[in-house]
Protein backbone atom coordinates (compact mmCIF):
# COMPACT_ATOMS: atom_id res chain seq x y z
CA MET A 1 3.37 70.85 107.82
CA SER A 2 4.82 68.66 105.08
CA GLU A 3 3.72 65.03 104.83
CA GLN A 4 7.43 64.12 104.98
CA CYS A 5 7.98 66.13 108.20
CA THR A 6 10.74 64.66 110.39
CA HIS A 7 10.03 67.14 113.23
CA ASP A 8 13.63 68.30 112.97
CA CYS A 9 12.98 72.00 112.45
CA GLY A 10 16.66 72.87 112.46
CA SER A 11 17.14 71.21 109.06
CA CYS A 12 13.77 72.16 107.57
CA ALA A 13 13.49 74.61 104.67
CA THR A 14 9.74 75.17 105.07
CA SER A 15 9.35 78.73 106.39
CA ASP A 16 5.65 78.71 107.33
CA CYS A 17 5.35 75.36 109.12
CA GLN A 18 3.28 75.70 112.29
CA GLU A 19 4.92 72.65 113.85
CA ARG A 20 7.77 74.96 114.89
CA THR A 21 5.66 76.38 117.69
CA LYS A 22 4.32 73.00 118.90
CA ILE A 23 7.56 71.48 120.19
CA PRO A 24 7.28 70.95 123.98
CA MET A 25 9.19 73.38 126.15
CA GLU A 26 12.31 72.20 127.97
CA LYS A 27 11.67 71.54 131.63
CA GLY A 28 13.60 73.87 133.89
CA ASN A 29 15.63 72.79 136.87
CA PRO A 30 13.30 71.95 139.78
CA ASP A 31 15.29 74.37 141.93
CA SER A 32 14.85 77.19 139.42
CA HIS A 33 11.78 79.41 139.37
CA ILE A 34 11.94 81.78 136.41
CA LYS A 35 9.00 84.09 135.79
CA LYS A 36 9.84 85.98 132.58
CA VAL A 37 12.26 85.18 129.75
CA ILE A 38 13.36 87.98 127.42
CA ALA A 39 15.54 87.14 124.41
CA VAL A 40 17.83 89.85 123.02
CA VAL A 41 18.52 89.25 119.34
CA SER A 42 20.22 90.82 116.36
CA GLY A 43 20.23 89.99 112.68
CA LYS A 44 24.01 90.30 112.50
CA GLY A 45 26.99 90.51 114.81
CA GLY A 46 28.74 93.60 116.09
CA VAL A 47 25.71 95.81 116.73
CA GLY A 48 25.82 95.75 120.55
CA LYS A 49 23.51 92.92 121.51
CA THR A 50 25.53 91.98 124.60
CA LEU A 51 25.66 95.63 125.66
CA VAL A 52 21.87 95.91 125.49
CA THR A 53 21.36 92.58 127.27
CA SER A 54 23.67 93.65 130.08
CA MET A 55 22.19 97.14 130.44
CA LEU A 56 18.64 95.79 130.63
CA ALA A 57 19.70 93.25 133.25
CA VAL A 58 21.34 95.99 135.34
CA ILE A 59 18.30 98.28 135.07
CA MET A 60 15.92 95.53 136.15
CA ARG A 61 18.18 94.68 139.07
CA ARG A 62 18.18 98.34 140.11
CA ARG A 63 14.39 98.19 140.04
CA GLY A 64 14.56 95.52 142.73
CA PHE A 65 14.01 92.39 140.63
CA ASN A 66 15.93 89.12 140.78
CA VAL A 67 17.72 88.94 137.43
CA GLY A 68 19.61 86.28 135.49
CA VAL A 69 21.51 86.38 132.19
CA LEU A 70 21.87 83.25 130.07
CA ASP A 71 24.63 83.68 127.49
CA ALA A 72 23.37 81.67 124.52
CA ASP A 73 26.13 82.97 122.24
CA ILE A 74 28.21 79.84 122.79
CA THR A 75 30.90 80.49 120.16
CA GLY A 76 31.23 84.19 120.97
CA PRO A 77 30.50 84.50 124.71
CA SER A 78 31.07 87.97 126.12
CA ILE A 79 28.65 88.35 129.04
CA PRO A 80 31.31 87.59 131.73
CA LYS A 81 33.61 90.22 130.22
CA ALA A 82 30.80 92.77 130.12
CA PHE A 83 30.27 92.32 133.87
CA GLY A 84 33.96 92.18 134.72
CA ILE A 85 33.72 88.56 135.87
CA ASP A 86 36.84 86.41 135.72
CA LYS A 87 35.97 83.59 138.12
CA LYS A 88 34.52 80.23 137.12
CA ALA A 89 31.13 78.65 137.74
CA ALA A 90 30.97 76.10 140.54
CA CYS A 91 28.98 72.93 141.15
CA ASP A 92 27.06 71.74 144.19
CA ALA A 93 27.49 68.37 145.88
CA LYS A 94 25.30 66.72 143.24
CA GLY A 95 27.35 68.11 140.36
CA THR A 96 24.68 70.63 139.37
CA ILE A 97 26.03 73.88 137.94
CA LEU A 98 25.66 77.07 139.96
CA PRO A 99 25.62 80.44 138.17
CA VAL A 100 28.15 83.13 138.99
CA THR A 101 26.70 86.11 140.85
CA THR A 102 27.83 89.65 140.09
CA LYS A 103 28.53 92.32 142.68
CA THR A 104 24.94 93.63 142.48
CA GLY A 105 23.36 90.17 142.58
CA ILE A 106 22.77 89.35 138.91
CA LYS A 107 23.20 85.64 138.14
CA LEU A 108 25.19 84.72 135.03
CA MET A 109 25.82 81.56 133.04
CA SER A 110 28.12 81.48 130.04
CA VAL A 111 30.36 78.87 128.45
CA ASN A 112 33.30 81.15 129.29
CA LEU A 113 32.54 80.50 132.96
CA LEU A 114 33.26 76.81 132.31
CA LEU A 115 36.31 76.96 130.02
CA GLU A 116 39.79 76.69 131.51
CA ASN A 117 40.89 79.73 129.50
CA ALA A 118 38.47 82.44 128.41
CA THR A 119 40.23 82.71 125.04
CA ASP A 120 39.85 79.01 124.18
CA PRO A 121 37.69 78.69 121.03
CA VAL A 122 34.50 76.67 121.11
CA VAL A 123 34.74 74.52 117.99
CA TRP A 124 31.47 72.60 118.13
CA ARG A 125 28.79 71.79 115.61
CA GLY A 126 25.27 73.18 115.79
CA PRO A 127 23.50 70.33 117.63
CA ILE A 128 26.09 70.34 120.42
CA ILE A 129 25.86 74.11 120.79
CA SER A 130 22.07 73.93 120.96
CA GLY A 131 22.37 71.19 123.57
CA VAL A 132 24.56 73.40 125.74
CA VAL A 133 21.93 76.16 125.64
CA LYS A 134 19.32 73.67 126.84
CA GLN A 135 21.67 72.55 129.62
CA PHE A 136 22.08 76.14 130.75
CA TRP A 137 18.31 76.25 131.10
CA ASN A 138 17.55 72.91 132.76
CA GLU A 139 20.79 71.91 134.51
CA VAL A 140 21.73 75.20 136.16
CA ILE A 141 20.25 76.08 139.56
CA TRP A 142 19.06 79.61 138.93
CA GLY A 143 16.90 79.92 142.03
CA ASP A 144 14.21 82.60 142.02
CA ILE A 145 14.45 84.81 138.92
CA ASP A 146 11.97 87.52 137.96
CA TYR A 147 13.60 88.34 134.62
CA MET A 148 15.90 86.07 132.64
CA PHE A 149 17.64 87.83 129.74
CA VAL A 150 19.00 85.55 127.03
CA ASP A 151 21.92 86.98 125.05
CA MET A 152 21.44 85.35 121.66
CA PRO A 153 23.98 84.75 118.90
CA PRO A 154 23.43 86.81 115.74
CA GLY A 155 21.24 85.54 112.94
CA THR A 156 18.28 83.19 112.69
CA GLY A 157 20.04 79.81 112.86
CA ASP A 158 20.21 76.82 115.19
CA VAL A 159 20.53 78.53 118.57
CA PRO A 160 17.82 81.21 118.09
CA LEU A 161 15.52 78.46 116.84
CA THR A 162 16.39 76.29 119.86
CA VAL A 163 15.72 79.13 122.28
CA PHE A 164 12.39 80.06 120.70
CA GLN A 165 11.27 76.42 120.59
CA SER A 166 12.63 75.16 123.89
CA LEU A 167 12.47 78.07 126.33
CA PRO A 168 9.27 79.88 127.41
CA VAL A 169 10.24 83.17 125.80
CA ASP A 170 7.85 85.97 126.77
CA GLY A 171 9.18 88.51 124.31
CA ILE A 172 12.20 89.67 122.36
CA VAL A 173 14.22 92.86 122.05
CA ILE A 174 15.92 93.48 118.71
CA VAL A 175 19.23 95.35 118.50
CA THR A 176 20.21 97.24 115.38
CA SER A 177 22.39 100.09 114.14
CA PRO A 178 21.61 102.86 111.61
CA GLN A 179 23.01 101.27 108.42
CA ASP A 180 20.48 100.27 105.74
CA LEU A 181 22.01 96.78 105.52
CA VAL A 182 21.43 96.17 109.21
CA GLY A 183 17.87 97.44 108.89
CA MET A 184 17.19 94.83 106.22
CA ILE A 185 18.55 92.08 108.46
CA VAL A 186 16.46 93.35 111.38
CA GLU A 187 13.40 92.62 109.31
CA LYS A 188 14.48 88.99 109.16
CA ALA A 189 14.60 88.88 112.96
CA VAL A 190 11.16 90.48 113.20
CA LYS A 191 9.72 87.96 110.77
CA MET A 192 11.32 85.06 112.65
CA ALA A 193 9.74 86.30 115.87
CA SER A 194 6.38 86.39 114.09
CA MET A 195 6.86 82.85 112.78
CA MET A 196 7.57 81.65 116.34
CA ASN A 197 4.66 83.65 117.79
CA LYS A 198 6.92 85.72 120.04
CA PRO A 199 6.10 89.40 120.60
CA VAL A 200 8.72 92.04 119.82
CA LEU A 201 8.85 94.30 122.88
CA GLY A 202 11.17 96.89 121.41
CA ILE A 203 13.98 97.82 119.05
CA VAL A 204 17.22 99.36 120.28
CA GLU A 205 19.37 101.29 117.84
CA ASN A 206 22.98 101.23 119.04
CA MET A 207 25.67 103.65 117.79
CA ALA A 208 22.81 105.94 116.79
CA TYR A 209 24.82 109.17 117.00
CA PHE A 210 27.78 110.88 118.63
CA LYS A 211 27.12 113.91 120.81
CA CYS A 212 29.97 116.42 120.71
CA PRO A 213 31.13 117.11 124.28
CA ASN A 214 32.01 120.71 123.34
CA CYS A 215 29.04 122.01 121.35
CA GLY A 216 26.42 119.38 122.16
CA GLU A 217 25.59 118.77 118.49
CA LYS A 218 24.60 115.22 117.50
CA HIS A 219 26.59 113.73 114.64
CA LYS A 220 25.07 110.70 112.90
CA ILE A 221 28.27 108.82 112.14
CA PHE A 222 26.63 105.79 110.55
CA GLY A 223 23.78 107.56 108.77
CA GLU A 224 20.21 108.50 109.48
CA SER A 225 18.20 106.48 111.96
CA ASN A 226 15.67 103.99 110.59
CA VAL A 227 14.47 102.60 113.91
CA ALA A 228 11.25 104.64 113.97
CA SER A 229 10.24 103.56 110.47
CA LEU A 230 10.96 99.91 111.25
CA ALA A 231 8.98 100.10 114.47
CA GLY A 232 6.07 101.81 112.75
CA PHE A 233 5.98 99.33 109.88
CA TYR A 234 5.89 96.35 112.23
CA ASN A 235 3.72 98.00 114.90
CA ILE A 236 6.41 97.76 117.56
CA HIS A 237 5.60 100.06 120.45
CA GLU A 238 8.93 100.88 122.09
CA THR A 239 12.20 102.09 120.60
CA ALA A 240 15.43 103.31 122.16
CA GLN A 241 18.75 104.74 121.01
CA ILE A 242 22.23 104.35 122.45
CA PRO A 243 24.84 106.82 121.20
CA LEU A 244 28.54 106.32 120.70
CA ASP A 245 29.35 107.22 124.30
CA PRO A 246 33.00 107.17 125.44
CA ALA A 247 31.86 107.55 129.05
CA LEU A 248 29.77 104.38 128.80
CA ALA A 249 32.72 102.50 127.32
CA ALA A 250 35.00 103.76 130.09
CA GLU A 251 32.53 102.72 132.79
CA CYS A 252 32.24 99.23 131.33
CA ASP A 253 35.99 98.83 130.90
CA LYS A 254 36.74 99.90 134.45
CA ASP A 255 34.79 97.35 136.50
CA GLY A 256 31.93 96.16 134.30
CA ILE A 257 28.55 97.23 133.00
CA GLU A 258 27.03 97.65 136.46
CA ASN A 259 28.77 101.04 136.71
CA PHE A 260 26.85 102.76 133.91
CA ALA A 261 24.83 105.81 134.92
CA ASN A 262 22.76 106.73 131.85
CA ASP A 263 19.05 106.42 131.12
CA TYR A 264 19.17 105.26 127.50
CA LEU A 265 17.08 102.09 128.11
CA ASN A 266 14.98 103.12 131.11
CA LEU A 267 11.75 103.57 129.13
CA LEU A 268 12.24 100.24 127.35
CA ALA A 269 12.83 98.50 130.69
CA ALA A 270 9.64 100.04 132.06
CA TYR A 271 7.72 98.84 129.01
CA ILE A 272 9.11 95.31 129.45
CA GLU A 273 8.07 95.34 133.10
CA GLN A 274 4.51 96.34 132.18
CA ASN A 275 4.01 94.21 129.06
CA ALA A 276 6.18 91.08 129.11
């Protein structure tokens, strides 16, 4: 820690400061009892982070757990759309926010559940956005939750730092795609997790291949996979691949992600259950 430390890690350029992990955790709502918090991160946007977050939430719900999803991507919220939710969050008599519950019982909170119009842009600066994430944690009545999945914004900026510092994160899942550029950015996410002393539970490679419905051959549209080499280099136990799957897209578009019927992330979900 620098002698001139202001304890404002969000504006600090020192990469190896151990004070980052000493900031007290945010207190949760007294009516919320959350056992495990899993953050789903990506080094860049557009790789399928929300898809992975949603699929893991659905799998854990199918396993009989109480599940919540906190959409921490405040400027690009897409969790409600992924679940086919178009209603708004409500408040109790005390003005405390209540999450929206999906048809299978997953509890959701996203800024799009509070906006008058889902397409209204959120034009806020970093500190306000980080404050909203904290409010979703300590001012929402989540009830009893076995697994809380946090859909993070891309990158390693204000909100990921806020989540790692303020929420009791038990582990992270990193989402990537086959391109070399994305692989390089994944390494940044892995190193950030190490700096914050958060274990990486797995890496998911989205858009890994396209399987021809006629001949069954796998075509690697975006290049060769690098997920195994990344996992081996950083000693990450579990990996998974999601192909370019028109059936998955159709299921999600019809009524939401809870319709999917594939097993792409089942082994990763089992690993999270055993090790988080």
